[in-house]
Protein backbone atom coordinates (compact mmCIF):
# COMPACT_ATOMS: atom_id res chain seq x y z
CA MET A 1 24.03 -34.85 -9.10
CA GLY A 2 21.80 -33.96 -11.91
CA SER A 3 18.42 -31.51 -11.43
CA LEU A 4 20.92 -29.13 -10.31
CA MET A 5 22.89 -29.85 -13.52
CA LEU A 6 18.61 -28.87 -15.53
CA ASP A 7 18.80 -26.28 -12.92
CA TYR A 8 21.88 -24.79 -14.21
CA LEU A 9 21.38 -25.33 -18.14
CA ILE A 10 18.37 -23.68 -17.43
CA ARG A 11 19.31 -21.01 -15.63
CA TYR A 12 21.93 -19.98 -18.42
CA GLY A 13 20.31 -20.95 -21.06
CA VAL A 14 17.18 -18.25 -20.47
CA GLN A 15 20.02 -16.09 -19.12
CA TYR A 16 22.21 -16.26 -22.46
CA GLY A 17 18.53 -15.86 -24.48
CA VAL A 18 17.68 -12.75 -22.39
CA TYR A 19 21.60 -11.19 -24.26
CA LEU A 20 21.26 -13.25 -27.96
CA MET A 21 17.57 -11.22 -28.52
CA GLU A 22 18.89 -7.98 -27.08
CA VAL A 23 21.30 -7.78 -28.91
CA ALA A 24 19.24 -9.51 -32.33
CA LEU A 25 17.05 -6.03 -31.52
CA LEU A 26 19.72 -3.89 -31.77
CA VAL A 27 21.18 -5.03 -34.60
CA PHE A 28 17.90 -5.78 -36.38
CA LEU A 29 17.05 -1.64 -35.66
CA LEU A 30 20.41 -0.51 -36.53
CA GLN A 31 20.35 -2.16 -39.66
CA GLN A 32 16.69 -1.63 -40.72
CA GLY A 33 17.33 2.49 -39.70
CA THR A 34 14.22 1.97 -37.39
CA TRP A 35 16.33 2.71 -33.85
CA ARG A 36 15.22 6.60 -34.66
CA ARG A 37 11.29 6.19 -34.50
CA LEU A 38 11.96 3.36 -31.94
CA ARG A 39 14.48 5.38 -30.31
CA GLY A 40 12.67 4.47 -26.74
CA MET A 41 12.68 0.83 -27.50
CA ALA A 42 16.30 1.23 -28.25
CA VAL A 43 17.69 2.85 -25.69
CA TYR A 44 15.05 0.88 -22.72
CA VAL A 45 17.12 -2.50 -24.95
CA THR A 46 21.07 -0.72 -24.78
CA LEU A 47 20.19 -0.59 -20.48
CA LEU A 48 19.03 -4.42 -20.80
CA LEU A 49 22.09 -5.03 -22.27
CA VAL A 50 24.62 -2.71 -20.66
CA THR A 51 23.63 -3.94 -17.02
CA ASP A 52 22.43 -7.17 -17.00
CA GLY A 53 24.54 -8.68 -19.55
CA VAL A 54 27.84 -6.04 -18.53
CA GLY A 55 27.39 -4.57 -15.75
CA ARG A 56 26.36 -6.46 -12.71
CA PRO A 57 28.53 -9.41 -13.56
CA PHE A 58 31.24 -7.46 -13.57
CA VAL A 59 30.52 -6.24 -10.19
CA LEU A 60 29.57 -9.99 -9.62
CA TYR A 61 33.04 -11.03 -10.42
CA SER A 62 34.98 -7.83 -9.14
CA PHE A 63 32.87 -8.27 -5.38
CA GLY A 64 31.56 -11.21 -4.44
CA LEU A 65 27.54 -12.10 -4.37
CA SER A 66 27.27 -11.86 -0.30
CA SER A 67 29.42 -7.99 -1.02
CA ARG A 68 27.12 -4.46 0.03
CA GLU A 69 29.22 -3.89 -2.85
CA TYR A 70 27.09 -5.48 -5.38
CA ALA A 71 24.10 -5.38 -3.51
CA TYR A 72 24.02 -1.49 -3.47
CA PHE A 73 25.07 -1.95 -7.80
CA TYR A 74 22.55 -4.57 -8.18
CA TRP A 75 19.59 -1.96 -6.84
CA LEU A 76 21.24 1.03 -7.68
CA THR A 77 20.45 -0.41 -11.19
CA ASP A 78 17.52 -1.92 -11.25
CA VAL A 79 15.89 2.12 -10.02
CA VAL A 80 17.38 3.04 -13.80
CA LEU A 81 15.47 -0.81 -15.76
CA THR A 82 12.70 1.18 -13.70
CA LEU A 83 12.35 4.69 -14.47
CA GLY A 84 13.44 3.97 -17.88
CA ALA A 85 10.80 1.91 -18.29
CA PHE A 86 8.64 4.44 -16.92
CA LEU A 87 9.71 6.40 -18.78
CA LEU A 88 8.95 4.44 -22.22
CA VAL A 89 5.32 3.96 -20.96
CA CYS A 90 5.51 7.90 -21.43
CA ALA A 91 6.21 7.38 -24.54
CA PHE A 92 4.65 4.89 -25.41
CA PHE A 93 1.30 7.26 -24.17
CA ARG A 94 2.66 10.41 -26.46
CA ARG A 95 1.82 8.05 -29.10
CA ALA A 96 -1.34 6.48 -28.67
CA CYS A 97 -2.21 9.92 -28.29
CA VAL A 98 -0.64 11.48 -31.21
CA ARG A 99 -4.21 12.32 -32.87
CA GLU A 100 -5.61 13.97 -29.19
CA GLU A 101 -3.23 16.81 -27.91
CA LYS A 102 -5.68 17.43 -25.16
CA MET A 103 -5.74 14.04 -24.13
CA TRP A 104 -1.67 13.65 -24.05
CA ARG A 105 -1.95 17.48 -22.42
CA PHE A 106 -4.19 15.75 -19.62
CA LEU A 107 -1.97 12.55 -19.37
CA ARG A 108 0.98 14.38 -19.62
CA LEU A 109 0.25 16.67 -15.84
CA LEU A 110 -1.71 12.56 -15.43
CA LEU A 111 2.34 10.77 -15.06
CA ALA A 112 3.72 13.65 -13.36
CA PHE A 113 1.89 13.72 -10.97
CA VAL A 114 2.10 9.96 -10.76
CA PHE A 115 5.49 9.92 -10.46
CA VAL A 116 5.80 13.09 -8.00
CA LEU A 117 3.04 10.34 -6.08
CA ILE A 118 4.78 8.11 -5.98
CA LEU A 119 8.67 9.56 -4.52
CA GLY A 120 6.64 10.63 -1.99
CA ILE A 121 4.77 7.89 -0.66
CA SER A 122 8.54 5.98 -1.00
CA ILE A 123 9.87 8.82 1.21
CA ILE A 124 6.93 8.45 3.81
CA SER A 125 7.62 5.10 4.00
CA LEU A 126 10.47 5.66 5.00
CA SER A 127 8.81 7.13 8.19
CA ARG A 128 8.64 3.47 9.08
CA ASN A 129 12.41 1.89 9.26
CA TYR A 130 14.95 3.96 10.31
CA THR A 131 17.29 2.37 10.14
CA HIS A 132 19.54 1.21 6.08
CA LEU A 133 17.40 4.70 5.04
CA PHE A 134 19.63 4.90 1.40
CA THR A 135 18.88 1.00 0.65
CA ARG A 136 15.33 0.99 2.43
CA PHE A 137 14.26 3.71 -0.12
CA ILE A 138 15.85 2.34 -3.61
CA VAL A 139 13.92 -1.41 -2.51
CA GLU A 140 10.33 1.00 -1.49
CA PHE A 141 10.34 3.45 -4.80
CA GLN A 142 11.95 0.05 -7.19
CA GLN A 143 8.34 -2.14 -5.48
CA ASN A 144 6.41 1.03 -6.32
CA LEU A 145 7.15 1.84 -9.10
CA TYR A 146 7.29 -1.03 -10.82
CA PHE A 147 3.94 -1.76 -9.78
CA THR A 148 3.13 1.37 -10.92
CA CYS A 149 4.43 1.06 -14.86
CA LEU A 150 2.63 -2.31 -14.63
CA VAL A 151 -0.62 -0.88 -14.30
CA LEU A 152 -0.46 2.40 -16.75
CA ASN A 153 0.78 -0.38 -19.05
CA THR A 154 -3.07 -1.89 -18.16
CA LEU A 155 -4.43 1.27 -18.64
CA LEU A 156 -2.74 1.98 -21.93
CA TYR A 157 -4.04 -0.94 -23.06
CA ILE A 158 -7.38 0.08 -22.76
CA LEU A 159 -6.85 3.47 -23.72
CA MET A 160 -6.18 2.17 -26.88
CA GLN A 161 -9.26 -0.34 -27.32
CA GLN A 162 -10.99 3.49 -26.14
CA ILE A 163 -9.25 5.14 -29.42
CA ALA A 164 -9.32 2.61 -31.45
CA THR A 165 -5.60 3.06 -32.99
CA ALA A 166 -4.65 1.79 -35.81
CA ASP A 167 -1.37 1.57 -34.53
CA ASP A 168 -0.30 -2.29 -34.64
CA GLU A 169 3.70 -2.46 -33.93
CA LEU A 170 2.81 0.49 -30.65
CA THR A 171 0.28 -2.73 -29.84
CA LEU A 172 2.47 -5.60 -30.02
CA LEU A 173 4.87 -2.95 -28.39
CA VAL A 174 2.44 -2.39 -25.10
CA CYS A 175 1.97 -6.52 -24.69
CA GLY A 176 4.93 -7.69 -24.55
CA MET A 177 5.72 -4.40 -21.67
CA GLY A 178 2.66 -5.97 -19.95
CA ILE A 179 4.75 -9.27 -20.00
CA GLN A 180 7.79 -7.86 -18.75
CA PHE A 181 5.53 -6.01 -15.62
CA ALA A 182 3.51 -9.06 -15.19
CA GLY A 183 5.27 -12.12 -14.75
CA PRO A 184 8.06 -10.53 -12.09
CA ALA A 185 5.20 -8.55 -10.22
CA ALA A 186 3.23 -11.54 -9.23
CA CYS A 187 6.28 -13.26 -8.18
CA LEU A 188 6.82 -10.15 -5.53
CA ALA A 189 3.06 -10.58 -4.60
CA LEU A 190 3.83 -15.22 -4.08
CA LEU A 191 7.10 -13.72 -2.33
CA TYR A 192 5.24 -11.39 0.29
CA LEU A 193 1.70 -14.06 0.77
CA THR A 194 4.05 -17.04 1.30
CA SER A 195 6.77 -15.05 2.62
CA ALA A 196 9.54 -15.35 1.11
CA ALA A 197 9.16 -19.51 1.21
CA PRO A 198 12.44 -21.98 -0.94
CA TYR A 199 9.78 -22.04 -3.36
CA SER A 200 8.29 -18.76 -4.12
CA LYS A 201 12.03 -18.04 -4.62
CA SER A 202 13.30 -20.56 -6.70
CA VAL A 203 10.08 -19.57 -9.45
CA PHE A 204 10.56 -15.98 -9.20
CA THR A 205 14.74 -17.13 -10.39
CA TYR A 206 13.39 -18.22 -13.34
CA VAL A 207 10.25 -15.72 -13.62
CA PRO A 208 11.53 -12.45 -14.76
CA PRO A 209 14.30 -13.66 -17.51
CA LEU A 210 11.93 -15.27 -19.25
CA CYS A 211 9.08 -12.65 -18.88
CA THR A 212 11.97 -10.22 -20.20
CA LEU A 213 12.72 -13.09 -22.71
CA GLY A 214 9.12 -12.76 -23.91
CA MET A 215 8.85 -9.74 -24.15
CA LEU A 216 11.92 -8.95 -26.30
CA LEU A 217 10.88 -12.08 -28.69
CA THR A 218 7.25 -9.98 -28.60
CA TRP A 219 9.29 -6.31 -29.77
CA PHE A 220 11.20 -7.86 -32.61
CA TYR A 221 7.79 -9.37 -34.54
CA ALA A 222 6.62 -6.05 -34.22
CA VAL A 223 9.11 -4.56 -35.94
CA ALA A 224 10.12 -7.28 -38.05
CA ARG A 225 6.42 -7.88 -39.39
CA ALA A 226 5.28 -6.73 -41.98
CA PRO A 227 2.23 -3.82 -41.41
CA ARG A 228 -1.07 -4.03 -41.46
CA ALA A 229 -2.78 -2.68 -44.19
CA ALA A 230 -4.04 0.47 -43.86
CA VAL A 231 -7.70 1.28 -42.91
CA VAL A 232 -9.25 2.13 -46.11
CA GLY A 233 -11.34 5.69 -46.72
CA VAL A 234 -12.52 8.38 -46.81
CA PRO A 235 -9.06 11.33 -46.64
CA GLY A 236 -9.02 13.66 -43.56
CA SER A 237 -11.46 11.02 -42.17
CA LYS A 238 -10.70 9.71 -38.40
CA ALA A 239 -10.17 6.66 -39.99
CA VAL A 240 -7.14 7.96 -42.27
CA GLY A 241 -5.85 10.29 -39.51
CA LEU A 242 -5.47 6.96 -37.01
CA ALA A 243 -4.27 5.03 -40.35
CA GLU A 244 -1.23 7.32 -41.11
CA ALA A 245 -0.48 7.90 -37.24
CA ALA A 246 0.74 4.07 -36.85
CA THR A 247 3.63 4.73 -39.00
CA ARG A 248 4.83 8.68 -37.63
CA GLU A 249 7.59 8.62 -35.03
CA ALA A 250 5.82 8.43 -31.19
């Protein structure tokens, strides 16, 4: 009984901590007037709050955990959140390449190609299973796109090191996104490796909300901290250009 109560307190404590951080971050962005500059992040956090804090609990209490309606709603909203994450990563790429127009034109085509490729792979995978095609497609597409976001976010971080960006805020935002992707991806891999053993399911219950909380805390620190001093250099030099780019809109 005691362990069940502790499990209950930890689970819902983390979950409501996520809700509070989402609200706090949105309120801070509105109060500081930085939501326009960070509108991609603001929209994504709003999606998280509306989906996890309002939509899913409402459908859960209305239809029940084992209902078809809740299952469909859960996976459809998961696809929406993953699409939002993919678009946010694309926005981060654009911001990182704000001074590299040629590079951005290439990356824009590459990102579009990657999305079409993931969509095609998910459709082709349906040929292996002709039952429950809609549900199968949703799950397959969401998981493929999720792992793709993890890879793209990692490549973005490496790219930022290569072009020596002075945008500290963007670096922290990308790191926060990495926290969000890495934990659930590792849990999914664990589920496959252990054939969905009970202990792996238990890990999957705790890790994703903890990773979301870690991402939100990192993002809050990124937008609330004082910016690092600009790089000193000759006016018009690359160093000064990079420092100016750090304050520009993505």
